[in-house]
Protein backbone atom coordinates (compact mmCIF):
# COMPACT_ATOMS: atom_id res chain seq x y z
CA GLU A 1 0.00 0.00 0.00
CA VAL A 2 1.09 3.54 -0.74
CA VAL A 3 -0.34 6.39 1.36
CA ALA A 4 -0.22 10.05 0.29
CA GLU A 5 -0.89 12.99 2.61
CA GLY A 6 -1.66 16.57 1.62
CA VAL A 7 -3.51 15.87 -1.63
CA GLU A 8 -5.11 19.16 -2.65
CA THR A 9 -5.89 18.97 -6.38
CA HIS A 10 -7.49 16.56 -8.84
CA GLU A 11 -4.25 16.63 -10.80
CA GLN A 12 -2.30 15.42 -7.77
CA ARG A 13 -4.87 12.69 -7.21
CA GLU A 14 -4.69 11.47 -10.79
CA SER A 15 -0.89 11.49 -10.74
CA LEU A 16 -0.83 9.51 -7.50
CA ILE A 17 -3.30 6.95 -8.86
CA ALA A 18 -1.17 6.56 -11.99
CA GLY A 19 1.83 5.98 -9.73
CA GLY A 20 0.09 3.22 -7.79
CA CYS A 21 -1.05 5.13 -4.72
CA ASN A 22 -4.23 3.65 -3.30
CA ILE A 23 -4.80 5.63 -0.08
CA MET A 24 -4.90 9.44 0.06
CA GLN A 25 -5.89 12.22 2.39
CA GLY A 26 -5.93 15.98 2.12
CA TYR A 27 -8.03 19.07 1.47
CA LEU A 28 -9.28 17.60 -1.81
CA PHE A 29 -11.31 15.09 0.20
CA SER A 30 -12.05 16.97 3.44
CA ARG A 31 -10.98 19.96 5.44
CA PRO A 32 -9.88 19.21 9.01
CA VAL A 33 -12.80 18.37 11.31
CA THR A 34 -13.18 18.60 15.05
CA LYS A 35 -13.32 15.60 17.34
CA ALA A 36 -17.00 16.37 17.97
CA LYS A 37 -17.76 16.23 14.24
CA VAL A 38 -15.95 12.90 13.88
CA ILE A 39 -17.96 11.44 16.77
CA GLU A 40 -21.18 12.81 15.25
CA PHE A 41 -20.29 11.23 11.89
CA ILE A 42 -19.51 7.84 13.43
CA LYS A 43 -22.79 7.83 15.38
CA LYS A 44 -24.76 8.79 12.28
CA TYR A 45 -23.21 6.12 10.08
CA LYS A 46 -22.54 3.48 12.74
CA GLY A 47 -22.14 0.07 11.18
CA GLY A 48 -21.31 1.48 7.77
CA VAL A 49 -18.01 3.08 8.67
CA SER A 50 -14.69 1.39 9.27
CA LEU A 51 -11.92 3.40 10.93
C-alpha cells in the first residue's frame, strides 16, 4: 500500500493513482474536522463506517 498525505488537487490525485497510490488524504477530500464532528459522523453512520 502507498499512502499520500496533503492531496489538494485533482491533478495530484490522478498522478498519484497513476503511480500506484491507493490511499490518500488531504483538502481535496475533506478539510480538518473537530473531534466532535468525527464522533457525530460515526454515530450517524454506525455500522457502515470502518476506521
